[in-house]
Amino acid sequence: ALSGDDLHIELREPARAVAPGQAAVLYD
């Protein structure tokens, strides 16, 4: 979901070792 200029992503299952600076790419 977009909140202003930020993208908020809520994972259904937890991910590990997610580092700031990496890209989050959304797919359908």
mmCIF file of all heavy atoms, coordinates in Angstrom:
data_MODEL
# 
_entry.id   MODEL 
# 
loop_
_atom_site.group_PDB 
_atom_site.id 
_atom_site.type_symbol 
_atom_site.label_atom_id 
_atom_site.label_alt_id 
_atom_site.label_comp_id 
_atom_site.label_asym_id 
_atom_site.label_entity_id 
_atom_site.label_seq_id 
_atom_site.pdbx_PDB_ins_code 
_atom_site.Cartn_x 
_atom_site.Cartn_y 
_atom_site.Cartn_z 
_atom_site.occupancy 
_atom_site.B_iso_or_equiv 
_atom_site.pdbx_formal_charge 
_atom_site.auth_seq_id 
_atom_site.auth_comp_id 
_atom_site.auth_asym_id 
_atom_site.auth_atom_id 
_atom_site.pdbx_PDB_model_num 
ATOM 1   N N   . ALA A 1 1  ? 0.841  -1.193  0.000   1.00 0.00 ? 1  ALA A N   1 
ATOM 2   C CA  . ALA A 1 1  ? 0.000  0.000   0.000   1.00 0.00 ? 1  ALA A CA  1 
ATOM 3   C C   . ALA A 1 1  ? 0.876  1.244   0.000   1.00 0.00 ? 1  ALA A C   1 
ATOM 4   O O   . ALA A 1 1  ? 1.931  1.281   0.638   1.00 0.00 ? 1  ALA A O   1 
ATOM 5   C CB  . ALA A 1 1  ? -0.911 0.004   1.226   1.00 0.00 ? 1  ALA A CB  1 
ATOM 6   N N   . LEU A 1 2  ? 0.438  2.268   -0.728  1.00 0.00 ? 2  LEU A N   1 
ATOM 7   C CA  . LEU A 1 2  ? 1.132  3.548   -0.741  1.00 0.00 ? 2  LEU A CA  1 
ATOM 8   C C   . LEU A 1 2  ? 0.649  4.421   0.409   1.00 0.00 ? 2  LEU A C   1 
ATOM 9   O O   . LEU A 1 2  ? -0.549 4.472   0.703   1.00 0.00 ? 2  LEU A O   1 
ATOM 10  C CB  . LEU A 1 2  ? 0.880  4.275   -2.062  1.00 0.00 ? 2  LEU A CB  1 
ATOM 11  C CG  . LEU A 1 2  ? 1.785  3.935   -3.242  1.00 0.00 ? 2  LEU A CG  1 
ATOM 12  C CD1 . LEU A 1 2  ? 1.331  4.688   -4.482  1.00 0.00 ? 2  LEU A CD1 1 
ATOM 13  C CD2 . LEU A 1 2  ? 3.237  4.260   -2.933  1.00 0.00 ? 2  LEU A CD2 1 
ATOM 14  N N   . SER A 1 3  ? 1.595  5.102   1.047   1.00 0.00 ? 3  SER A N   1 
ATOM 15  C CA  . SER A 1 3  ? 1.278  6.085   2.073   1.00 0.00 ? 3  SER A CA  1 
ATOM 16  C C   . SER A 1 3  ? 2.130  7.309   1.765   1.00 0.00 ? 3  SER A C   1 
ATOM 17  O O   . SER A 1 3  ? 3.321  7.350   2.095   1.00 0.00 ? 3  SER A O   1 
ATOM 18  C CB  . SER A 1 3  ? 1.587  5.545   3.464   1.00 0.00 ? 3  SER A CB  1 
ATOM 19  O OG  . SER A 1 3  ? 1.382  6.535   4.445   1.00 0.00 ? 3  SER A OG  1 
ATOM 20  N N   . GLY A 1 4  ? 1.539  8.268   1.094   1.00 0.00 ? 4  GLY A N   1 
ATOM 21  C CA  . GLY A 1 4  ? 2.326  9.398   0.611   1.00 0.00 ? 4  GLY A CA  1 
ATOM 22  C C   . GLY A 1 4  ? 3.290  8.920   -0.456  1.00 0.00 ? 4  GLY A C   1 
ATOM 23  O O   . GLY A 1 4  ? 2.888  8.291   -1.436  1.00 0.00 ? 4  GLY A O   1 
ATOM 24  N N   . ASP A 1 5  ? 4.567  9.195   -0.234  1.00 0.00 ? 5  ASP A N   1 
ATOM 25  C CA  . ASP A 1 5  ? 5.595  8.752   -1.185  1.00 0.00 ? 5  ASP A CA  1 
ATOM 26  C C   . ASP A 1 5  ? 6.226  7.431   -0.781  1.00 0.00 ? 5  ASP A C   1 
ATOM 27  O O   . ASP A 1 5  ? 7.146  6.951   -1.466  1.00 0.00 ? 5  ASP A O   1 
ATOM 28  C CB  . ASP A 1 5  ? 6.693  9.822   -1.301  1.00 0.00 ? 5  ASP A CB  1 
ATOM 29  C CG  . ASP A 1 5  ? 6.184  11.107  -1.929  1.00 0.00 ? 5  ASP A CG  1 
ATOM 30  O OD1 . ASP A 1 5  ? 5.253  11.017  -2.758  1.00 0.00 ? 5  ASP A OD1 1 
ATOM 31  O OD2 . ASP A 1 5  ? 6.706  12.175  -1.586  1.00 0.00 ? 5  ASP A OD2 1 
ATOM 32  N N   . ASP A 1 6  ? 5.787  6.840   0.316   1.00 0.00 ? 6  ASP A N   1 
ATOM 33  C CA  . ASP A 1 6  ? 6.371  5.596   0.809   1.00 0.00 ? 6  ASP A CA  1 
ATOM 34  C C   . ASP A 1 6  ? 5.502  4.396   0.442   1.00 0.00 ? 6  ASP A C   1 
ATOM 35  O O   . ASP A 1 6  ? 4.271  4.500   0.360   1.00 0.00 ? 6  ASP A O   1 
ATOM 36  C CB  . ASP A 1 6  ? 6.530  5.634   2.331   1.00 0.00 ? 6  ASP A CB  1 
ATOM 37  C CG  . ASP A 1 6  ? 7.576  6.634   2.780   1.00 0.00 ? 6  ASP A CG  1 
ATOM 38  O OD1 . ASP A 1 6  ? 8.381  7.061   1.934   1.00 0.00 ? 6  ASP A OD1 1 
ATOM 39  O OD2 . ASP A 1 6  ? 7.582  6.989   3.977   1.00 0.00 ? 6  ASP A OD2 1 
ATOM 40  N N   . LEU A 1 7  ? 6.167  3.285   0.243   1.00 0.00 ? 7  LEU A N   1 
ATOM 41  C CA  . LEU A 1 7  ? 5.475  2.024   -0.015  1.00 0.00 ? 7  LEU A CA  1 
ATOM 42  C C   . LEU A 1 7  ? 5.589  1.149   1.226   1.00 0.00 ? 7  LEU A C   1 
ATOM 43  O O   . LEU A 1 7  ? 6.701  0.915   1.717   1.00 0.00 ? 7  LEU A O   1 
ATOM 44  C CB  . LEU A 1 7  ? 6.100  1.319   -1.221  1.00 0.00 ? 7  LEU A CB  1 
ATOM 45  C CG  . LEU A 1 7  ? 5.504  -0.036  -1.607  1.00 0.00 ? 7  LEU A CG  1 
ATOM 46  C CD1 . LEU A 1 7  ? 4.077  0.129   -2.100  1.00 0.00 ? 7  LEU A CD1 1 
ATOM 47  C CD2 . LEU A 1 7  ? 6.371  -0.704  -2.681  1.00 0.00 ? 7  LEU A CD2 1 
ATOM 48  N N   . HIS A 1 8  ? 4.453  0.695   1.743   1.00 0.00 ? 8  HIS A N   1 
ATOM 49  C CA  . HIS A 1 8  ? 4.441  -0.186  2.909   1.00 0.00 ? 8  HIS A CA  1 
ATOM 50  C C   . HIS A 1 8  ? 4.044  -1.589  2.463   1.00 0.00 ? 8  HIS A C   1 
ATOM 51  O O   . HIS A 1 8  ? 3.036  -1.768  1.772   1.00 0.00 ? 8  HIS A O   1 
ATOM 52  C CB  . HIS A 1 8  ? 3.479  0.335   3.980   1.00 0.00 ? 8  HIS A CB  1 
ATOM 53  C CG  . HIS A 1 8  ? 3.924  1.614   4.606   1.00 0.00 ? 8  HIS A CG  1 
ATOM 54  N ND1 . HIS A 1 8  ? 4.906  1.670   5.569   1.00 0.00 ? 8  HIS A ND1 1 
ATOM 55  C CD2 . HIS A 1 8  ? 3.553  2.896   4.378   1.00 0.00 ? 8  HIS A CD2 1 
ATOM 56  C CE1 . HIS A 1 8  ? 5.106  2.918   5.922   1.00 0.00 ? 8  HIS A CE1 1 
ATOM 57  N NE2 . HIS A 1 8  ? 4.301  3.687   5.211   1.00 0.00 ? 8  HIS A NE2 1 
ATOM 58  N N   . ILE A 1 9  ? 4.840  -2.568  2.869   1.00 0.00 ? 9  ILE A N   1 
ATOM 59  C CA  . ILE A 1 9  ? 4.635  -3.956  2.456   1.00 0.00 ? 9  ILE A CA  1 
ATOM 60  C C   . ILE A 1 9  ? 4.483  -4.809  3.703   1.00 0.00 ? 9  ILE A C   1 
ATOM 61  O O   . ILE A 1 9  ? 5.367  -4.824  4.573   1.00 0.00 ? 9  ILE A O   1 
ATOM 62  C CB  . ILE A 1 9  ? 5.825  -4.464  1.614   1.00 0.00 ? 9  ILE A CB  1 
ATOM 63  C CG1 . ILE A 1 9  ? 6.024  -3.569  0.384   1.00 0.00 ? 9  ILE A CG1 1 
ATOM 64  C CG2 . ILE A 1 9  ? 5.612  -5.914  1.195   1.00 0.00 ? 9  ILE A CG2 1 
ATOM 65  C CD1 . ILE A 1 9  ? 7.319  -3.844  -0.355  1.00 0.00 ? 9  ILE A CD1 1 
ATOM 66  N N   . GLU A 1 10 ? 3.366  -5.501  3.792   1.00 0.00 ? 10 GLU A N   1 
ATOM 67  C CA  . GLU A 1 10 ? 3.120  -6.421  4.910   1.00 0.00 ? 10 GLU A CA  1 
ATOM 68  C C   . GLU A 1 10 ? 3.219  -7.844  4.379   1.00 0.00 ? 10 GLU A C   1 
ATOM 69  O O   . GLU A 1 10 ? 2.446  -8.244  3.500   1.00 0.00 ? 10 GLU A O   1 
ATOM 70  C CB  . GLU A 1 10 ? 1.747  -6.175  5.514   1.00 0.00 ? 10 GLU A CB  1 
ATOM 71  C CG  . GLU A 1 10 ? 1.449  -7.060  6.717   1.00 0.00 ? 10 GLU A CG  1 
ATOM 72  C CD  . GLU A 1 10 ? 0.091  -6.772  7.329   1.00 0.00 ? 10 GLU A CD  1 
ATOM 73  O OE1 . GLU A 1 10 ? -0.430 -5.661  7.110   1.00 0.00 ? 10 GLU A OE1 1 
ATOM 74  O OE2 . GLU A 1 10 ? -0.454 -7.668  7.993   1.00 0.00 ? 10 GLU A OE2 1 
ATOM 75  N N   . LEU A 1 11 ? 4.182  -8.600  4.899   1.00 0.00 ? 11 LEU A N   1 
ATOM 76  C CA  . LEU A 1 11 ? 4.421  -9.963  4.434   1.00 0.00 ? 11 LEU A CA  1 
ATOM 77  C C   . LEU A 1 11 ? 3.473  -10.942 5.107   1.00 0.00 ? 11 LEU A C   1 
ATOM 78  O O   . LEU A 1 11 ? 3.211  -10.842 6.314   1.00 0.00 ? 11 LEU A O   1 
ATOM 79  C CB  . LEU A 1 11 ? 5.869  -10.375 4.717   1.00 0.00 ? 11 LEU A CB  1 
ATOM 80  C CG  . LEU A 1 11 ? 6.961  -9.473  4.135   1.00 0.00 ? 11 LEU A CG  1 
ATOM 81  C CD1 . LEU A 1 11 ? 8.332  -9.963  4.575   1.00 0.00 ? 11 LEU A CD1 1 
ATOM 82  C CD2 . LEU A 1 11 ? 6.882  -9.433  2.612   1.00 0.00 ? 11 LEU A CD2 1 
ATOM 83  N N   . ARG A 1 12 ? 2.971  -11.902 4.324   1.00 0.00 ? 12 ARG A N   1 
ATOM 84  C CA  . ARG A 1 12 ? 2.118  -12.943 4.894   1.00 0.00 ? 12 ARG A CA  1 
ATOM 85  C C   . ARG A 1 12 ? 2.917  -13.909 5.755   1.00 0.00 ? 12 ARG A C   1 
ATOM 86  O O   . ARG A 1 12 ? 2.425  -14.438 6.744   1.00 0.00 ? 12 ARG A O   1 
ATOM 87  C CB  . ARG A 1 12 ? 1.423  -13.703 3.769   1.00 0.00 ? 12 ARG A CB  1 
ATOM 88  C CG  . ARG A 1 12 ? 0.464  -12.871 2.926   1.00 0.00 ? 12 ARG A CG  1 
ATOM 89  C CD  . ARG A 1 12 ? -0.628 -12.263 3.766   1.00 0.00 ? 12 ARG A CD  1 
ATOM 90  N NE  . ARG A 1 12 ? -1.697 -11.701 2.945   1.00 0.00 ? 12 ARG A NE  1 
ATOM 91  C CZ  . ARG A 1 12 ? -2.638 -10.905 3.419   1.00 0.00 ? 12 ARG A CZ  1 
ATOM 92  N NH1 . ARG A 1 12 ? -2.637 -10.560 4.700   1.00 0.00 ? 12 ARG A NH1 1 
ATOM 93  N NH2 . ARG A 1 12 ? -3.579 -10.443 2.613   1.00 0.00 ? 12 ARG A NH2 1 
ATOM 94  N N   . GLU A 1 13 ? 4.167  -14.160 5.362   1.00 0.00 ? 13 GLU A N   1 
ATOM 95  C CA  . GLU A 1 13 ? 5.091  -14.984 6.129   1.00 0.00 ? 13 GLU A CA  1 
ATOM 96  C C   . GLU A 1 13 ? 6.376  -14.190 6.310   1.00 0.00 ? 13 GLU A C   1 
ATOM 97  O O   . GLU A 1 13 ? 6.773  -13.435 5.416   1.00 0.00 ? 13 GLU A O   1 
ATOM 98  C CB  . GLU A 1 13 ? 5.394  -16.306 5.418   1.00 0.00 ? 13 GLU A CB  1 
ATOM 99  C CG  . GLU A 1 13 ? 4.185  -17.202 5.213   1.00 0.00 ? 13 GLU A CG  1 
ATOM 100 C CD  . GLU A 1 13 ? 3.653  -17.768 6.519   1.00 0.00 ? 13 GLU A CD  1 
ATOM 101 O OE1 . GLU A 1 13 ? 4.445  -17.858 7.491   1.00 0.00 ? 13 GLU A OE1 1 
ATOM 102 O OE2 . GLU A 1 13 ? 2.455  -18.099 6.573   1.00 0.00 ? 13 GLU A OE2 1 
ATOM 103 N N   . PRO A 1 14 ? 7.051  -14.330 7.451   1.00 0.00 ? 14 PRO A N   1 
ATOM 104 C CA  . PRO A 1 14 ? 8.230  -13.498 7.689   1.00 0.00 ? 14 PRO A CA  1 
ATOM 105 C C   . PRO A 1 14 ? 9.385  -13.845 6.750   1.00 0.00 ? 14 PRO A C   1 
ATOM 106 O O   . PRO A 1 14 ? 9.578  -15.000 6.367   1.00 0.00 ? 14 PRO A O   1 
ATOM 107 C CB  . PRO A 1 14 ? 8.595  -13.809 9.146   1.00 0.00 ? 14 PRO A CB  1 
ATOM 108 C CG  . PRO A 1 14 ? 7.994  -15.154 9.406   1.00 0.00 ? 14 PRO A CG  1 
ATOM 109 C CD  . PRO A 1 14 ? 6.749  -15.218 8.595   1.00 0.00 ? 14 PRO A CD  1 
ATOM 110 N N   . ALA A 1 15 ? 10.129 -12.825 6.392   1.00 0.00 ? 15 ALA A N   1 
ATOM 111 C CA  . ALA A 1 15 ? 11.374 -12.992 5.632   1.00 0.00 ? 15 ALA A CA  1 
ATOM 112 C C   . ALA A 1 15 ? 12.542 -12.759 6.582   1.00 0.00 ? 15 ALA A C   1 
ATOM 113 O O   . ALA A 1 15 ? 12.388 -12.143 7.645   1.00 0.00 ? 15 ALA A O   1 
ATOM 114 C CB  . ALA A 1 15 ? 11.418 -12.009 4.474   1.00 0.00 ? 15 ALA A CB  1 
ATOM 115 N N   . ARG A 1 16 ? 13.705 -13.239 6.192   1.00 0.00 ? 16 ARG A N   1 
ATOM 116 C CA  . ARG A 1 16 ? 14.882 -13.065 7.029   1.00 0.00 ? 16 ARG A CA  1 
ATOM 117 C C   . ARG A 1 16 ? 15.928 -12.229 6.304   1.00 0.00 ? 16 ARG A C   1 
ATOM 118 O O   . ARG A 1 16 ? 16.035 -12.260 5.081   1.00 0.00 ? 16 ARG A O   1 
ATOM 119 C CB  . ARG A 1 16 ? 15.500 -14.419 7.397   1.00 0.00 ? 16 ARG A CB  1 
ATOM 120 C CG  . ARG A 1 16 ? 14.761 -15.190 8.469   1.00 0.00 ? 16 ARG A CG  1 
ATOM 121 C CD  . ARG A 1 16 ? 15.500 -16.444 8.844   1.00 0.00 ? 16 ARG A CD  1 
ATOM 122 N NE  . ARG A 1 16 ? 16.880 -16.169 9.253   1.00 0.00 ? 16 ARG A NE  1 
ATOM 123 C CZ  . ARG A 1 16 ? 17.763 -17.123 9.566   1.00 0.00 ? 16 ARG A CZ  1 
ATOM 124 N NH1 . ARG A 1 16 ? 17.418 -18.391 9.502   1.00 0.00 ? 16 ARG A NH1 1 
ATOM 125 N NH2 . ARG A 1 16 ? 18.984 -16.807 9.924   1.00 0.00 ? 16 ARG A NH2 1 
ATOM 126 N N   . ALA A 1 17 ? 16.715 -11.499 7.103   1.00 0.00 ? 17 ALA A N   1 
ATOM 127 C CA  . ALA A 1 17 ? 17.885 -10.781 6.591   1.00 0.00 ? 17 ALA A CA  1 
ATOM 128 C C   . ALA A 1 17 ? 17.529 -9.833  5.459   1.00 0.00 ? 17 ALA A C   1 
ATOM 129 O O   . ALA A 1 17 ? 18.114 -9.862  4.387   1.00 0.00 ? 17 ALA A O   1 
ATOM 130 C CB  . ALA A 1 17 ? 18.957 -11.771 6.147   1.00 0.00 ? 17 ALA A CB  1 
ATOM 131 N N   . VAL A 1 18 ? 16.539 -8.982  5.707   1.00 0.00 ? 18 VAL A N   1 
ATOM 132 C CA  . VAL A 1 18 ? 16.138 -7.975  4.726   1.00 0.00 ? 18 VAL A CA  1 
ATOM 133 C C   . VAL A 1 18 ? 16.902 -6.690  5.041   1.00 0.00 ? 18 VAL A C   1 
ATOM 134 O O   . VAL A 1 18 ? 16.723 -6.099  6.106   1.00 0.00 ? 18 VAL A O   1 
ATOM 135 C CB  . VAL A 1 18 ? 14.621 -7.722  4.780   1.00 0.00 ? 18 VAL A CB  1 
ATOM 136 C CG1 . VAL A 1 18 ? 14.219 -6.696  3.741   1.00 0.00 ? 18 VAL A CG1 1 
ATOM 137 C CG2 . VAL A 1 18 ? 13.865 -9.029  4.579   1.00 0.00 ? 18 VAL A CG2 1 
ATOM 138 N N   . ALA A 1 19 ? 17.744 -6.264  4.131   1.00 0.00 ? 19 ALA A N   1 
ATOM 139 C CA  . ALA A 1 19 ? 18.643 -5.150  4.399   1.00 0.00 ? 19 ALA A CA  1 
ATOM 140 C C   . ALA A 1 19 ? 18.169 -3.862  3.739   1.00 0.00 ? 19 ALA A C   1 
ATOM 141 O O   . ALA A 1 19 ? 17.800 -3.867  2.564   1.00 0.00 ? 19 ALA A O   1 
ATOM 142 C CB  . ALA A 1 19 ? 20.048 -5.488  3.909   1.00 0.00 ? 19 ALA A CB  1 
ATOM 143 N N   . PRO A 1 20 ? 18.176 -2.752  4.449   1.00 0.00 ? 20 PRO A N   1 
ATOM 144 C CA  . PRO A 1 20 ? 17.930 -1.459  3.815   1.00 0.00 ? 20 PRO A CA  1 
ATOM 145 C C   . PRO A 1 20 ? 18.906 -1.242  2.649   1.00 0.00 ? 20 PRO A C   1 
ATOM 146 O O   . PRO A 1 20 ? 20.078 -1.603  2.727   1.00 0.00 ? 20 PRO A O   1 
ATOM 147 C CB  . PRO A 1 20 ? 18.189 -0.458  4.949   1.00 0.00 ? 20 PRO A CB  1 
ATOM 148 C CG  . PRO A 1 20 ? 17.890 -1.230  6.199   1.00 0.00 ? 20 PRO A CG  1 
ATOM 149 C CD  . PRO A 1 20 ? 18.378 -2.626  5.913   1.00 0.00 ? 20 PRO A CD  1 
ATOM 150 N N   . GLY A 1 21 ? 18.398 -0.639  1.580   1.00 0.00 ? 21 GLY A N   1 
ATOM 151 C CA  . GLY A 1 21 ? 19.204 -0.440  0.385   1.00 0.00 ? 21 GLY A CA  1 
ATOM 152 C C   . GLY A 1 21 ? 18.887 -1.422  -0.714  1.00 0.00 ? 21 GLY A C   1 
ATOM 153 O O   . GLY A 1 21 ? 19.123 -1.136  -1.898  1.00 0.00 ? 21 GLY A O   1 
ATOM 154 N N   . GLN A 1 22 ? 18.348 -2.584  -0.340  1.00 0.00 ? 22 GLN A N   1 
ATOM 155 C CA  . GLN A 1 22 ? 17.936 -3.557  -1.345  1.00 0.00 ? 22 GLN A CA  1 
ATOM 156 C C   . GLN A 1 22 ? 16.635 -3.104  -2.002  1.00 0.00 ? 22 GLN A C   1 
ATOM 157 O O   . GLN A 1 22 ? 15.918 -2.257  -1.482  1.00 0.00 ? 22 GLN A O   1 
ATOM 158 C CB  . GLN A 1 22 ? 17.733 -4.934  -0.696  1.00 0.00 ? 22 GLN A CB  1 
ATOM 159 C CG  . GLN A 1 22 ? 19.004 -5.563  -0.150  1.00 0.00 ? 22 GLN A CG  1 
ATOM 160 C CD  . GLN A 1 22 ? 18.717 -6.858  0.602   1.00 0.00 ? 22 GLN A CD  1 
ATOM 161 O OE1 . GLN A 1 22 ? 17.670 -7.016  1.196   1.00 0.00 ? 22 GLN A OE1 1 
ATOM 162 N NE2 . GLN A 1 22 ? 19.674 -7.773  0.582   1.00 0.00 ? 22 GLN A NE2 1 
ATOM 163 N N   . ALA A 1 23 ? 16.337 -3.700  -3.143  1.00 0.00 ? 23 ALA A N   1 
ATOM 164 C CA  . ALA A 1 23 ? 15.085 -3.382  -3.829  1.00 0.00 ? 23 ALA A CA  1 
ATOM 165 C C   . ALA A 1 23 ? 13.997 -4.355  -3.410  1.00 0.00 ? 23 ALA A C   1 
ATOM 166 O O   . ALA A 1 23 ? 14.246 -5.550  -3.229  1.00 0.00 ? 23 ALA A O   1 
ATOM 167 C CB  . ALA A 1 23 ? 15.277 -3.447  -5.339  1.00 0.00 ? 23 ALA A CB  1 
ATOM 168 N N   . ALA A 1 24 ? 12.798 -3.829  -3.243  1.00 0.00 ? 24 ALA A N   1 
ATOM 169 C CA  . ALA A 1 24 ? 11.600 -4.654  -3.072  1.00 0.00 ? 24 ALA A CA  1 
ATOM 170 C C   . ALA A 1 24 ? 10.825 -4.574  -4.375  1.00 0.00 ? 24 ALA A C   1 
ATOM 171 O O   . ALA A 1 24 ? 10.363 -3.498  -4.758  1.00 0.00 ? 24 ALA A O   1 
ATOM 172 C CB  . ALA A 1 24 ? 10.759 -4.147  -1.912  1.00 0.00 ? 24 ALA A CB  1 
ATOM 173 N N   . VAL A 1 25 ? 10.711 -5.700  -5.079  1.00 0.00 ? 25 VAL A N   1 
ATOM 174 C CA  . VAL A 1 25 ? 10.054 -5.717  -6.387  1.00 0.00 ? 25 VAL A CA  1 
ATOM 175 C C   . VAL A 1 25 ? 8.739  -6.473  -6.264  1.00 0.00 ? 25 VAL A C   1 
ATOM 176 O O   . VAL A 1 25 ? 8.713  -7.630  -5.824  1.00 0.00 ? 25 VAL A O   1 
ATOM 177 C CB  . VAL A 1 25 ? 10.949 -6.370  -7.453  1.00 0.00 ? 25 VAL A CB  1 
ATOM 178 C CG1 . VAL A 1 25 ? 10.229 -6.418  -8.795  1.00 0.00 ? 25 VAL A CG1 1 
ATOM 179 C CG2 . VAL A 1 25 ? 12.259 -5.593  -7.581  1.00 0.00 ? 25 VAL A CG2 1 
ATOM 180 N N   . LEU A 1 26 ? 7.661  -5.813  -6.641  1.00 0.00 ? 26 LEU A N   1 
ATOM 181 C CA  . LEU A 1 26 ? 6.327  -6.391  -6.553  1.00 0.00 ? 26 LEU A CA  1 
ATOM 182 C C   . LEU A 1 26 ? 5.945  -7.074  -7.862  1.00 0.00 ? 26 LEU A C   1 
ATOM 183 O O   . LEU A 1 26 ? 6.198  -6.545  -8.947  1.00 0.00 ? 26 LEU A O   1 
ATOM 184 C CB  . LEU A 1 26 ? 5.299  -5.302  -6.233  1.00 0.00 ? 26 LEU A CB  1 
ATOM 185 C CG  . LEU A 1 26 ? 5.532  -4.487  -4.956  1.00 0.00 ? 26 LEU A CG  1 
ATOM 186 C CD1 . LEU A 1 26 ? 4.444  -3.426  -4.815  1.00 0.00 ? 26 LEU A CD1 1 
ATOM 187 C CD2 . LEU A 1 26 ? 5.580  -5.383  -3.728  1.00 0.00 ? 26 LEU A CD2 1 
ATOM 188 N N   . TYR A 1 27 ? 5.302  -8.239  -7.741  1.00 0.00 ? 27 TYR A N   1 
ATOM 189 C CA  . TYR A 1 27 ? 4.884  -9.020  -8.895  1.00 0.00 ? 27 TYR A CA  1 
ATOM 190 C C   . TYR A 1 27 ? 3.415  -9.408  -8.772  1.00 0.00 ? 27 TYR A C   1 
ATOM 191 O O   . TYR A 1 27 ? 2.914  -9.642  -7.674  1.00 0.00 ? 27 TYR A O   1 
ATOM 192 C CB  . TYR A 1 27 ? 5.695  -10.317 -9.006  1.00 0.00 ? 27 TYR A CB  1 
ATOM 193 C CG  . TYR A 1 27 ? 7.149  -10.151 -9.386  1.00 0.00 ? 27 TYR A CG  1 
ATOM 194 C CD1 . TYR A 1 27 ? 8.114  -9.886  -8.425  1.00 0.00 ? 27 TYR A CD1 1 
ATOM 195 C CD2 . TYR A 1 27 ? 7.557  -10.302 -10.712 1.00 0.00 ? 27 TYR A CD2 1 
ATOM 196 C CE1 . TYR A 1 27 ? 9.448  -9.761  -8.766  1.00 0.00 ? 27 TYR A CE1 1 
ATOM 197 C CE2 . TYR A 1 27 ? 8.891  -10.184 -11.060 1.00 0.00 ? 27 TYR A CE2 1 
ATOM 198 C CZ  . TYR A 1 27 ? 9.826  -9.912  -10.085 1.00 0.00 ? 27 TYR A CZ  1 
ATOM 199 O OH  . TYR A 1 27 ? 11.162 -9.789  -10.431 1.00 0.00 ? 27 TYR A OH  1 
ATOM 200 N N   . ASP A 1 28 ? 2.767  -9.507  -9.913  1.00 0.00 ? 28 ASP A N   1 
ATOM 201 C CA  . ASP A 1 28 ? 1.476  -10.174 -10.047 1.00 0.00 ? 28 ASP A CA  1 
ATOM 202 C C   . ASP A 1 28 ? 1.731  -11.373 -10.946 1.00 0.00 ? 28 ASP A C   1 
ATOM 203 O O   . ASP A 1 28 ? 1.832  -11.229 -12.161 1.00 0.00 ? 28 ASP A O   1 
ATOM 204 C CB  . ASP A 1 28 ? 0.446  -9.245  -10.663 1.00 0.00 ? 28 ASP A CB  1 
ATOM 205 C CG  . ASP A 1 28 ? -0.911 -9.918  -10.861 1.00 0.00 ? 28 ASP A CG  1 
ATOM 206 O OD1 . ASP A 1 28 ? -1.088 -11.064 -10.386 1.00 0.00 ? 28 ASP A OD1 1 
ATOM 207 O OD2 . ASP A 1 28 ? -1.785 -9.323  -11.512 1.00 0.00 ? 28 ASP A OD2 1 
# 
